[in-house]
Amino acid sequence: MNEQNRNEAEPPKGFDQVFYEYLDNLEHRAHAVGMTLTDLCRDSGVSRATPDRWRKSLPKTIQNVCDLEAIVKKAERKK
C-alpha cells in the first residue's frame, strides 16, 4: 500500500489521542520497573490527582493544540 492509501485507510491520530496513549505508556513503564503512579508523581513533583484530572479532561494547553490542529485541517481541506 502506498503512502497515500495508507493515510486514507488509517487517519492520523489526534494530538489528544497521542497524549492519552503517552500518559498510559508512562504508567505502564513505571509499573514495569516496580513504581506506582503515585511514586512517579511524587518523584516528579506532580500532584497525584493531576494525571487523573488529565484523563477526565484534557489539560488546557493540550486542548489548545488540538484546536489549532483542527483549524489547520479545516483550511487544508478547503485548499
PDB file of N, CA and C in Angstrom:
ATOM      1  N   MET A   1       0.849  -1.172   0.000  1.00  0.00           N
ATOM      2  CA  MET A   1       0.000   0.000   0.000  1.00  0.00           C
ATOM      3  C   MET A   1       0.896   1.236   0.000  1.00  0.00           C
ATOM      4  N   ASN A   2       0.608   2.170  -0.894  1.00  0.00           N
ATOM      5  CA  ASN A   2       1.443   3.370  -0.932  1.00  0.00           C
ATOM      6  C   ASN A   2       1.065   4.321   0.202  1.00  0.00           C
ATOM      7  N   GLU A   3       1.874   5.348   0.381  1.00  0.00           N
ATOM      8  CA  GLU A   3       1.681   6.299   1.490  1.00  0.00           C
ATOM      9  C   GLU A   3       0.305   6.954   1.439  1.00  0.00           C
ATOM     10  N   GLN A   4      -0.139   7.337   0.266  1.00  0.00           N
ATOM     11  CA  GLN A   4      -1.450   7.982   0.101  1.00  0.00           C
ATOM     12  C   GLN A   4      -2.560   7.052   0.583  1.00  0.00           C
ATOM     13  N   ASN A   5      -2.553   5.803   0.147  1.00  0.00           N
ATOM     14  CA  ASN A   5      -3.605   4.862   0.542  1.00  0.00           C
ATOM     15  C   ASN A   5      -3.545   4.540   2.025  1.00  0.00           C
ATOM     16  N   ARG A   6      -2.336   4.425   2.573  1.00  0.00           N
ATOM     17  CA  ARG A   6      -2.209   4.133   3.995  1.00  0.00           C
ATOM     18  C   ARG A   6      -2.828   5.253   4.820  1.00  0.00           C
ATOM     19  N   ASN A   7      -2.588   6.500   4.440  1.00  0.00           N
ATOM     20  CA  ASN A   7      -3.140   7.633   5.176  1.00  0.00           C
ATOM     21  C   ASN A   7      -4.651   7.694   5.054  1.00  0.00           C
ATOM     22  N   GLU A   8      -5.196   7.295   3.925  1.00  0.00           N
ATOM     23  CA  GLU A   8      -6.645   7.308   3.753  1.00  0.00           C
ATOM     24  C   GLU A   8      -7.287   6.184   4.549  1.00  0.00           C
ATOM     25  N   ALA A   9      -6.623   5.031   4.632  1.00  0.00           N
ATOM     26  CA  ALA A   9      -7.186   3.895   5.339  1.00  0.00           C
ATOM     27  C   ALA A   9      -7.108   4.073   6.852  1.00  0.00           C
ATOM     28  N   GLU A  10      -6.084   4.729   7.308  1.00  0.00           N
ATOM     29  CA  GLU A  10      -5.870   4.901   8.748  1.00  0.00           C
ATOM     30  C   GLU A  10      -5.622   6.372   9.036  1.00  0.00           C
ATOM     31  N   PRO A  11      -6.636   7.079   9.514  1.00  0.00           N
ATOM     32  CA  PRO A  11      -6.443   8.513   9.765  1.00  0.00           C
ATOM     33  C   PRO A  11      -5.395   8.745  10.837  1.00  0.00           C
ATOM     34  N   PRO A  12      -4.670   9.850  10.719  1.00  0.00           N
ATOM     35  CA  PRO A  12      -3.656  10.132  11.738  1.00  0.00           C
ATOM     36  C   PRO A  12      -4.299  10.337  13.100  1.00  0.00           C
ATOM     37  N   LYS A  13      -3.543   9.989  14.123  1.00  0.00           N
ATOM     38  CA  LYS A  13      -4.034  10.152  15.490  1.00  0.00           C
ATOM     39  C   LYS A  13      -4.122  11.630  15.820  1.00  0.00           C
ATOM     40  N   GLY A  14      -5.144  11.984  16.573  1.00  0.00           N
ATOM     41  CA  GLY A  14      -5.254  13.340  17.067  1.00  0.00           C
ATOM     42  C   GLY A  14      -4.272  13.561  18.197  1.00  0.00           C
ATOM     43  N   PHE A  15      -3.926  14.791  18.415  1.00  0.00           N
ATOM     44  CA  PHE A  15      -2.975  15.133  19.464  1.00  0.00           C
ATOM     45  C   PHE A  15      -3.467  14.640  20.818  1.00  0.00           C
ATOM     46  N   ASP A  16      -4.787  14.716  21.042  1.00  0.00           N
ATOM     47  CA  ASP A  16      -5.335  14.260  22.314  1.00  0.00           C
ATOM     48  C   ASP A  16      -5.150  12.757  22.488  1.00  0.00           C
ATOM     49  N   GLN A  17      -5.366  11.994  21.422  1.00  0.00           N
ATOM     50  CA  GLN A  17      -5.189  10.547  21.493  1.00  0.00           C
ATOM     51  C   GLN A  17      -3.731  10.193  21.778  1.00  0.00           C
ATOM     52  N   VAL A  18      -2.817  10.883  21.124  1.00  0.00           N
ATOM     53  CA  VAL A  18      -1.391  10.660  21.368  1.00  0.00           C
ATOM     54  C   VAL A  18      -1.050  10.981  22.824  1.00  0.00           C
ATOM     55  N   PHE A  19      -1.606  12.082  23.348  1.00  0.00           N
ATOM     56  CA  PHE A  19      -1.354  12.469  24.735  1.00  0.00           C
ATOM     57  C   PHE A  19      -1.815  11.377  25.698  1.00  0.00           C
ATOM     58  N   TYR A  20      -3.040  10.871  25.503  1.00  0.00           N
ATOM     59  CA  TYR A  20      -3.560   9.841  26.404  1.00  0.00           C
ATOM     60  C   TYR A  20      -2.763   8.547  26.291  1.00  0.00           C
ATOM     61  N   GLU A  21      -2.350   8.184  25.080  1.00  0.00           N
ATOM     62  CA  GLU A  21      -1.519   6.989  24.906  1.00  0.00           C
ATOM     63  C   GLU A  21      -0.172   7.169  25.590  1.00  0.00           C
ATOM     64  N   TYR A  22       0.403   8.363  25.496  1.00  0.00           N
ATOM     65  CA  TYR A  22       1.680   8.657  26.139  1.00  0.00           C
ATOM     66  C   TYR A  22       1.544   8.542  27.659  1.00  0.00           C
ATOM     67  N   LEU A  23       0.480   9.089  28.201  1.00  0.00           N
ATOM     68  CA  LEU A  23       0.237   9.016  29.641  1.00  0.00           C
ATOM     69  C   LEU A  23       0.082   7.567  30.091  1.00  0.00           C
ATOM     70  N   ASP A  24      -0.689   6.780  29.345  1.00  0.00           N
ATOM     71  CA  ASP A  24      -0.856   5.359  29.670  1.00  0.00           C
ATOM     72  C   ASP A  24       0.474   4.616  29.588  1.00  0.00           C
ATOM     73  N   ASN A  25       1.279   4.953  28.575  1.00  0.00           N
ATOM     74  CA  ASN A  25       2.574   4.312  28.402  1.00  0.00           C
ATOM     75  C   ASN A  25       3.498   4.624  29.582  1.00  0.00           C
ATOM     76  N   LEU A  26       3.497   5.864  30.036  1.00  0.00           N
ATOM     77  CA  LEU A  26       4.323   6.224  31.197  1.00  0.00           C
ATOM     78  C   LEU A  26       3.936   5.410  32.425  1.00  0.00           C
ATOM     79  N   GLU A  27       2.630   5.273  32.636  1.00  0.00           N
ATOM     80  CA  GLU A  27       2.179   4.499  33.792  1.00  0.00           C
ATOM     81  C   GLU A  27       2.587   3.033  33.650  1.00  0.00           C
ATOM     82  N   HIS A  28       2.429   2.483  32.458  1.00  0.00           N
ATOM     83  CA  HIS A  28       2.809   1.086  32.213  1.00  0.00           C
ATOM     84  C   HIS A  28       4.309   0.883  32.448  1.00  0.00           C
ATOM     85  N   ARG A  29       5.128   1.792  31.925  1.00  0.00           N
ATOM     86  CA  ARG A  29       6.581   1.693  32.094  1.00  0.00           C
ATOM     87  C   ARG A  29       6.984   1.823  33.558  1.00  0.00           C
ATOM     88  N   ALA A  30       6.297   2.710  34.287  1.00  0.00           N
ATOM     89  CA  ALA A  30       6.577   2.856  35.721  1.00  0.00           C
ATOM     90  C   ALA A  30       6.278   1.538  36.442  1.00  0.00           C
ATOM     91  N   HIS A  31       5.147   0.929  36.125  1.00  0.00           N
ATOM     92  CA  HIS A  31       4.791  -0.349  36.754  1.00  0.00           C
ATOM     93  C   HIS A  31       5.812  -1.429  36.417  1.00  0.00           C
ATOM     94  N   ALA A  32       6.336  -1.402  35.186  1.00  0.00           N
ATOM     95  CA  ALA A  32       7.306  -2.414  34.751  1.00  0.00           C
ATOM     96  C   ALA A  32       8.597  -2.357  35.559  1.00  0.00           C
ATOM     97  N   VAL A  33       8.900  -1.202  36.130  1.00  0.00           N
ATOM     98  CA  VAL A  33      10.111  -1.076  36.958  1.00  0.00           C
ATOM     99  C   VAL A  33       9.777  -1.007  38.446  1.00  0.00           C
ATOM    100  N   GLY A  34       8.546  -1.408  38.788  1.00  0.00           N
ATOM    101  CA  GLY A  34       8.157  -1.504  40.193  1.00  0.00           C
ATOM    102  C   GLY A  34       7.681  -0.211  40.823  1.00  0.00           C
ATOM    103  N   MET A  35       7.318   0.761  40.000  1.00  0.00           N
ATOM    104  CA  MET A  35       6.820   2.038  40.535  1.00  0.00           C
ATOM    105  C   MET A  35       5.315   2.134  40.310  1.00  0.00           C
ATOM    106  N   THR A  36       4.648   2.758  41.240  1.00  0.00           N
ATOM    107  CA  THR A  36       3.239   3.061  41.051  1.00  0.00           C
ATOM    108  C   THR A  36       3.117   4.459  40.444  1.00  0.00           C
ATOM    109  N   LEU A  37       1.935   4.790  40.009  1.00  0.00           N
ATOM    110  CA  LEU A  37       1.705   6.140  39.503  1.00  0.00           C
ATOM    111  C   LEU A  37       1.917   7.159  40.632  1.00  0.00           C
ATOM    112  N   THR A  38       1.561   6.770  41.831  1.00  0.00           N
ATOM    113  CA  THR A  38       1.786   7.637  42.991  1.00  0.00           C
ATOM    114  C   THR A  38       3.279   7.905  43.169  1.00  0.00           C
ATOM    115  N   ASP A  39       4.109   6.858  43.044  1.00  0.00           N
ATOM    116  CA  ASP A  39       5.564   7.031  43.137  1.00  0.00           C
ATOM    117  C   ASP A  39       6.063   7.986  42.058  1.00  0.00           C
ATOM    118  N   LEU A  40       5.614   7.769  40.851  1.00  0.00           N
ATOM    119  CA  LEU A  40       6.040   8.588  39.714  1.00  0.00           C
ATOM    120  C   LEU A  40       5.676  10.053  39.937  1.00  0.00           C
ATOM    121  N   CYS A  41       4.454  10.287  40.392  1.00  0.00           N
ATOM    122  CA  CYS A  41       4.008  11.661  40.651  1.00  0.00           C
ATOM    123  C   CYS A  41       4.835  12.304  41.762  1.00  0.00           C
ATOM    124  N   ARG A  42       5.035  11.580  42.843  1.00  0.00           N
ATOM    125  CA  ARG A  42       5.806  12.118  43.967  1.00  0.00           C
ATOM    126  C   ARG A  42       7.226  12.477  43.525  1.00  0.00           C
ATOM    127  N   ASP A  43       7.871  11.576  42.791  1.00  0.00           N
ATOM    128  CA  ASP A  43       9.258  11.806  42.368  1.00  0.00           C
ATOM    129  C   ASP A  43       9.381  12.947  41.369  1.00  0.00           C
ATOM    130  N   SER A  44       8.318  13.224  40.635  1.00  0.00           N
ATOM    131  CA  SER A  44       8.367  14.297  39.634  1.00  0.00           C
ATOM    132  C   SER A  44       7.812  15.615  40.163  1.00  0.00           C
ATOM    133  N   GLY A  45       7.242  15.588  41.371  1.00  0.00           N
ATOM    134  CA  GLY A  45       6.689  16.808  41.947  1.00  0.00           C
ATOM    135  C   GLY A  45       5.304  17.164  41.419  1.00  0.00           C
ATOM    136  N   VAL A  46       4.633  16.190  40.831  1.00  0.00           N
ATOM    137  CA  VAL A  46       3.286  16.407  40.297  1.00  0.00           C
ATOM    138  C   VAL A  46       2.281  15.856  41.310  1.00  0.00           C
ATOM    139  N   SER A  47       1.225  16.589  41.545  1.00  0.00           N
ATOM    140  CA  SER A  47       0.175  16.112  42.439  1.00  0.00           C
ATOM    141  C   SER A  47      -0.384  14.794  41.909  1.00  0.00           C
ATOM    142  N   ARG A  48      -0.655  13.857  42.803  1.00  0.00           N
ATOM    143  CA  ARG A  48      -1.191  12.550  42.393  1.00  0.00           C
ATOM    144  C   ARG A  48      -2.522  12.698  41.668  1.00  0.00           C
ATOM    145  N   ALA A  49      -3.288  13.715  41.984  1.00  0.00           N
ATOM    146  CA  ALA A  49      -4.588  13.915  41.348  1.00  0.00           C
ATOM    147  C   ALA A  49      -4.468  14.421  39.905  1.00  0.00           C
ATOM    148  N   THR A  50      -3.315  14.963  39.551  1.00  0.00           N
ATOM    149  CA  THR A  50      -3.155  15.584  38.236  1.00  0.00           C
ATOM    150  C   THR A  50      -3.370  14.615  37.076  1.00  0.00           C
ATOM    151  N   PRO A  51      -2.700  13.439  37.029  1.00  0.00           N
ATOM    152  CA  PRO A  51      -2.958  12.528  35.914  1.00  0.00           C
ATOM    153  C   PRO A  51      -4.421  12.085  35.829  1.00  0.00           C
ATOM    154  N   ASP A  52      -5.060  11.901  36.981  1.00  0.00           N
ATOM    155  CA  ASP A  52      -6.480  11.537  36.977  1.00  0.00           C
ATOM    156  C   ASP A  52      -7.322  12.668  36.379  1.00  0.00           C
ATOM    157  N   ARG A  53      -6.985  13.896  36.732  1.00  0.00           N
ATOM    158  CA  ARG A  53      -7.691  15.057  36.183  1.00  0.00           C
ATOM    159  C   ARG A  53      -7.468  15.140  34.667  1.00  0.00           C
ATOM    160  N   TRP A  54      -6.230  14.870  34.220  1.00  0.00           N
ATOM    161  CA  TRP A  54      -5.931  14.890  32.788  1.00  0.00           C
ATOM    162  C   TRP A  54      -6.747  13.845  32.032  1.00  0.00           C
ATOM    163  N   ARG A  55      -6.966  12.698  32.667  1.00  0.00           N
ATOM    164  CA  ARG A  55      -7.736  11.640  32.000  1.00  0.00           C
ATOM    165  C   ARG A  55      -9.220  12.005  31.895  1.00  0.00           C
ATOM    166  N   LYS A  56      -9.705  12.807  32.814  1.00  0.00           N
ATOM    167  CA  LYS A  56     -11.109  13.244  32.769  1.00  0.00           C
ATOM    168  C   LYS A  56     -11.312  14.379  31.776  1.00  0.00           C
ATOM    169  N   SER A  57     -10.323  15.254  31.676  1.00  0.00           N
ATOM    170  CA  SER A  57     -10.422  16.422  30.806  1.00  0.00           C
ATOM    171  C   SER A  57      -9.023  16.813  30.359  1.00  0.00           C
ATOM    172  N   LEU A  58      -8.869  17.007  29.071  1.00  0.00           N
ATOM    173  CA  LEU A  58      -7.566  17.389  28.545  1.00  0.00           C
ATOM    174  C   LEU A  58      -7.055  18.656  29.219  1.00  0.00           C
ATOM    175  N   PRO A  59      -5.762  18.697  29.516  1.00  0.00           N
ATOM    176  CA  PRO A  59      -5.192  19.949  30.018  1.00  0.00           C
ATOM    177  C   PRO A  59      -5.427  21.057  28.988  1.00  0.00           C
ATOM    178  N   LYS A  60      -5.586  22.277  29.459  1.00  0.00           N
ATOM    179  CA  LYS A  60      -5.902  23.404  28.579  1.00  0.00           C
ATOM    180  C   LYS A  60      -4.895  23.545  27.438  1.00  0.00           C
ATOM    181  N   THR A  61      -3.617  23.380  27.730  1.00  0.00           N
ATOM    182  CA  THR A  61      -2.592  23.517  26.692  1.00  0.00           C
ATOM    183  C   THR A  61      -2.780  22.457  25.603  1.00  0.00           C
ATOM    184  N   ILE A  62      -3.057  21.234  26.004  1.00  0.00           N
ATOM    185  CA  ILE A  62      -3.273  20.161  25.026  1.00  0.00           C
ATOM    186  C   ILE A  62      -4.529  20.462  24.215  1.00  0.00           C
ATOM    187  N   GLN A  63      -5.580  20.942  24.884  1.00  0.00           N
ATOM    188  CA  GLN A  63      -6.812  21.290  24.161  1.00  0.00           C
ATOM    189  C   GLN A  63      -6.551  22.402  23.163  1.00  0.00           C
ATOM    190  N   ASN A  64      -5.748  23.388  23.545  1.00  0.00           N
ATOM    191  CA  ASN A  64      -5.411  24.477  22.620  1.00  0.00           C
ATOM    192  C   ASN A  64      -4.707  23.946  21.382  1.00  0.00           C
ATOM    193  N   VAL A  65      -3.769  23.022  21.573  1.00  0.00           N
ATOM    194  CA  VAL A  65      -3.063  22.436  20.430  1.00  0.00           C
ATOM    195  C   VAL A  65      -4.045  21.662  19.548  1.00  0.00           C
ATOM    196  N   CYS A  66      -4.966  20.929  20.151  1.00  0.00           N
ATOM    197  CA  CYS A  66      -5.988  20.204  19.378  1.00  0.00           C
ATOM    198  C   CYS A  66      -6.837  21.178  18.565  1.00  0.00           C
ATOM    199  N   ASP A  67      -7.206  22.297  19.160  1.00  0.00           N
ATOM    200  CA  ASP A  67      -7.989  23.315  18.456  1.00  0.00           C
ATOM    201  C   ASP A  67      -7.203  23.887  17.276  1.00  0.00           C
ATOM    202  N   LEU A  68      -5.920  24.166  17.483  1.00  0.00           N
ATOM    203  CA  LEU A  68      -5.072  24.673  16.395  1.00  0.00           C
ATOM    204  C   LEU A  68      -4.988  23.652  15.264  1.00  0.00           C
ATOM    205  N   GLU A  69      -4.827  22.389  15.627  1.00  0.00           N
ATOM    206  CA  GLU A  69      -4.755  21.322  14.627  1.00  0.00           C
ATOM    207  C   GLU A  69      -6.050  21.261  13.812  1.00  0.00           C
ATOM    208  N   ALA A  70      -7.180  21.375  14.479  1.00  0.00           N
ATOM    209  CA  ALA A  70      -8.475  21.323  13.783  1.00  0.00           C
ATOM    210  C   ALA A  70      -8.610  22.474  12.790  1.00  0.00           C
ATOM    211  N   ILE A  71      -8.153  23.644  13.166  1.00  0.00           N
ATOM    212  CA  ILE A  71      -8.224  24.808  12.269  1.00  0.00           C
ATOM    213  C   ILE A  71      -7.365  24.581  11.032  1.00  0.00           C
ATOM    214  N   VAL A  72      -6.159  24.055  11.229  1.00  0.00           N
ATOM    215  CA  VAL A  72      -5.267  23.799  10.094  1.00  0.00           C
ATOM    216  C   VAL A  72      -5.866  22.724   9.185  1.00  0.00           C
ATOM    217  N   LYS A  73      -6.394  21.652   9.776  1.00  0.00           N
ATOM    218  CA  LYS A  73      -7.000  20.587   8.965  1.00  0.00           C
ATOM    219  C   LYS A  73      -8.168  21.124   8.137  1.00  0.00           C
ATOM    220  N   LYS A  74      -8.986  21.973   8.744  1.00  0.00           N
ATOM    221  CA  LYS A  74     -10.114  22.566   8.023  1.00  0.00           C
ATOM    222  C   LYS A  74      -9.615  23.395   6.846  1.00  0.00           C
ATOM    223  N   ALA A  75      -8.587  24.195   7.078  1.00  0.00           N
ATOM    224  CA  ALA A  75      -8.012  25.027   5.997  1.00  0.00           C
ATOM    225  C   ALA A  75      -7.415  24.152   4.902  1.00  0.00           C
ATOM    226  N   GLU A  76      -6.777  23.061   5.290  1.00  0.00           N
ATOM    227  CA  GLU A  76      -6.183  22.154   4.306  1.00  0.00           C
ATOM    228  C   GLU A  76      -7.253  21.506   3.435  1.00  0.00           C
ATOM    229  N   ARG A  77      -8.391  21.149   4.035  1.00  0.00           N
ATOM    230  CA  ARG A  77      -9.483  20.536   3.269  1.00  0.00           C
ATOM    231  C   ARG A  77     -10.061  21.530   2.256  1.00  0.00           C
ATOM    232  N   LYS A  78     -10.095  22.798   2.634  1.00  0.00           N
ATOM    233  CA  LYS A  78     -10.639  23.828   1.741  1.00  0.00           C
ATOM    234  C   LYS A  78      -9.725  24.070   0.541  1.00  0.00           C
ATOM    235  N   LYS A  79      -8.436  23.864   0.766  1.00  0.00           N
ATOM    236  CA  LYS A  79      -7.445  24.141  -0.276  1.00  0.00           C
ATOM    237  C   LYS A  79      -7.446  23.050  -1.262  1.00  0.00           C
TER     238      LYS A  79
END
